[in-house]
Amino acid sequence: MIEVYKENEKIEVIKLEAQPFFIFGAHPNKSNIVLRHASISRCHAAIVIDQSEGVLILDLNSKAKTLVNSKPLIGLVSNPLQNGDSI
């Protein structure tokens, strides 16, 4: 589950279930979860749920990069996510 905050207020909860991966981005036909913000690429990042590796995040070579806990990810390299991480 992902909690979405705007200006420190929770505005949405997204359940990640029934699929092994989710694409986040601005393009409604190419993304499972559409995010509307000027910094979001058409296909910005992916979250993968792997039976052996756990929950992983990948930046899909986005222009603005994907940050986890304020640190930019290297494009197309999987990174484990922990409960409470900020994306």
C-alpha atoms as a PDB file:
ATOM      1  CA  MET A   1       0.000   0.000   0.000  1.00  0.00           C
ATOM      2  CA  ILE A   2       1.240   3.481  -0.836  1.00  0.00           C
ATOM      3  CA  GLU A   3       0.050   6.580   0.976  1.00  0.00           C
ATOM      4  CA  VAL A   4       0.127   9.739  -1.148  1.00  0.00           C
ATOM      5  CA  TYR A   5       0.741  13.042   0.629  1.00  0.00           C
ATOM      6  CA  LYS A   6       0.477  16.604  -0.602  1.00  0.00           C
ATOM      7  CA  GLU A   7       1.713  19.389   1.654  1.00  0.00           C
ATOM      8  CA  ASN A   8       1.910  16.919   4.584  1.00  0.00           C
ATOM      9  CA  GLU A   9      -1.733  15.872   4.154  1.00  0.00           C
ATOM     10  CA  LYS A  10      -2.654  12.332   3.087  1.00  0.00           C
ATOM     11  CA  ILE A  11      -4.734  12.655  -0.059  1.00  0.00           C
ATOM     12  CA  GLU A  12      -4.879   9.075  -1.345  1.00  0.00           C
ATOM     13  CA  VAL A  13      -4.074   5.456  -0.540  1.00  0.00           C
ATOM     14  CA  ILE A  14      -3.079   3.203  -3.440  1.00  0.00           C
ATOM     15  CA  LYS A  15      -3.300  -0.555  -2.926  1.00  0.00           C
ATOM     16  CA  LEU A  16      -0.679  -2.515  -4.817  1.00  0.00           C
ATOM     17  CA  GLU A  17      -2.329  -5.873  -5.372  1.00  0.00           C
ATOM     18  CA  ALA A  18      -3.336  -8.350  -8.074  1.00  0.00           C
ATOM     19  CA  GLN A  19      -0.300  -7.586 -10.268  1.00  0.00           C
ATOM     20  CA  PRO A  20       3.436  -8.275 -10.069  1.00  0.00           C
ATOM     21  CA  PHE A  21       4.396  -4.708 -11.088  1.00  0.00           C
ATOM     22  CA  PHE A  22       3.013  -1.176 -11.365  1.00  0.00           C
ATOM     23  CA  ILE A  23       4.135   1.649 -13.657  1.00  0.00           C
ATOM     24  CA  PHE A  24       3.851   5.179 -12.286  1.00  0.00           C
ATOM     25  CA  GLY A  25       3.803   8.083 -14.710  1.00  0.00           C
ATOM     26  CA  ALA A  26       1.907  10.896 -16.372  1.00  0.00           C
ATOM     27  CA  HIS A  27       0.719   8.997 -19.472  1.00  0.00           C
ATOM     28  CA  PRO A  28      -2.700   7.410 -18.814  1.00  0.00           C
ATOM     29  CA  ASN A  29      -2.286   4.713 -21.485  1.00  0.00           C
ATOM     30  CA  LYS A  30       1.216   3.669 -20.428  1.00  0.00           C
ATOM     31  CA  SER A  31       0.950   3.876 -16.639  1.00  0.00           C
ATOM     32  CA  ASN A  32      -1.026   1.800 -14.155  1.00  0.00           C
ATOM     33  CA  ILE A  33      -0.990   4.675 -11.692  1.00  0.00           C
ATOM     34  CA  VAL A  34      -1.224   8.152 -13.192  1.00  0.00           C
ATOM     35  CA  LEU A  35       0.516  10.991 -11.344  1.00  0.00           C
ATOM     36  CA  ARG A  36      -0.188  14.574 -12.354  1.00  0.00           C
ATOM     37  CA  HIS A  37       2.799  16.796 -11.703  1.00  0.00           C
ATOM     38  CA  ALA A  38       5.180  18.726 -13.955  1.00  0.00           C
ATOM     39  CA  SER A  39       8.159  16.678 -12.710  1.00  0.00           C
ATOM     40  CA  ILE A  40       6.608  13.294 -13.589  1.00  0.00           C
ATOM     41  CA  SER A  41       7.666  11.630 -16.853  1.00  0.00           C
ATOM     42  CA  ARG A  42       5.231   9.692 -19.043  1.00  0.00           C
ATOM     43  CA  CYS A  43       6.590   6.424 -17.608  1.00  0.00           C
ATOM     44  CA  HIS A  44       8.497   7.549 -14.541  1.00  0.00           C
ATOM     45  CA  ALA A  45       9.065   4.585 -12.215  1.00  0.00           C
ATOM     46  CA  ALA A  46       8.038   0.991 -11.585  1.00  0.00           C
ATOM     47  CA  ILE A  47       7.337  -0.884  -8.397  1.00  0.00           C
ATOM     48  CA  VAL A  48       7.865  -4.627  -8.670  1.00  0.00           C
ATOM     49  CA  ILE A  49       6.592  -7.171  -6.165  1.00  0.00           C
ATOM     50  CA  ASP A  50       8.947 -10.145  -6.277  1.00  0.00           C
ATOM     51  CA  GLN A  51       8.418 -13.332  -4.242  1.00  0.00           C
ATOM     52  CA  SER A  52      12.106 -13.705  -3.347  1.00  0.00           C
ATOM     53  CA  GLU A  53      13.366 -10.078  -3.453  1.00  0.00           C
ATOM     54  CA  GLY A  54      10.385  -8.309  -1.878  1.00  0.00           C
ATOM     55  CA  VAL A  55       9.166  -4.911  -3.062  1.00  0.00           C
ATOM     56  CA  LEU A  56      11.519  -3.149  -5.469  1.00  0.00           C
ATOM     57  CA  ILE A  57      11.486   0.241  -7.180  1.00  0.00           C
ATOM     58  CA  LEU A  58      13.138   1.207 -10.467  1.00  0.00           C
ATOM     59  CA  ASP A  59      13.505   4.631 -12.010  1.00  0.00           C
ATOM     60  CA  LEU A  60      12.593   4.260 -15.698  1.00  0.00           C
ATOM     61  CA  ASN A  61      15.224   6.790 -16.823  1.00  0.00           C
ATOM     62  CA  SER A  62      12.926   9.665 -15.931  1.00  0.00           C
ATOM     63  CA  LYS A  63      14.111  13.209 -16.534  1.00  0.00           C
ATOM     64  CA  ALA A  64      13.610  14.387 -12.937  1.00  0.00           C
ATOM     65  CA  LYS A  65      14.771  11.076 -11.372  1.00  0.00           C
ATOM     66  CA  THR A  66      13.007   9.080  -8.689  1.00  0.00           C
ATOM     67  CA  LEU A  67      13.991   9.810  -5.109  1.00  0.00           C
ATOM     68  CA  VAL A  68      13.760   7.326  -2.248  1.00  0.00           C
ATOM     69  CA  ASN A  69      14.292   8.966   1.126  1.00  0.00           C
ATOM     70  CA  SER A  70      15.612  12.044  -0.743  1.00  0.00           C
ATOM     71  CA  LYS A  71      18.310  10.048  -2.589  1.00  0.00           C
ATOM     72  CA  PRO A  72      18.121   9.784  -6.413  1.00  0.00           C
ATOM     73  CA  LEU A  73      17.987   6.317  -7.927  1.00  0.00           C
ATOM     74  CA  ILE A  74      20.148   5.175 -10.801  1.00  0.00           C
ATOM     75  CA  GLY A  75      17.977   4.511 -13.854  1.00  0.00           C
ATOM     76  CA  LEU A  76      16.841   0.918 -14.476  1.00  0.00           C
ATOM     77  CA  VAL A  77      18.534  -0.422 -11.328  1.00  0.00           C
ATOM     78  CA  SER A  78      16.245  -2.157  -8.840  1.00  0.00           C
ATOM     79  CA  ASN A  79      16.264  -0.899  -5.261  1.00  0.00           C
ATOM     80  CA  PRO A  80      14.496  -2.548  -2.332  1.00  0.00           C
ATOM     81  CA  LEU A  81      11.744  -0.602  -0.590  1.00  0.00           C
ATOM     82  CA  GLN A  82      11.131  -0.784   3.122  1.00  0.00           C
ATOM     83  CA  ASN A  83       7.981   0.037   5.053  1.00  0.00           C
ATOM     84  CA  GLY A  84       8.005   3.789   5.723  1.00  0.00           C
ATOM     85  CA  ASP A  85      10.261   4.772   2.797  1.00  0.00           C
ATOM     86  CA  SER A  86       9.470   8.112   1.183  1.00  0.00           C
ATOM     87  CA  ILE A  87       9.281   8.131  -2.625  1.00  0.00           C
END
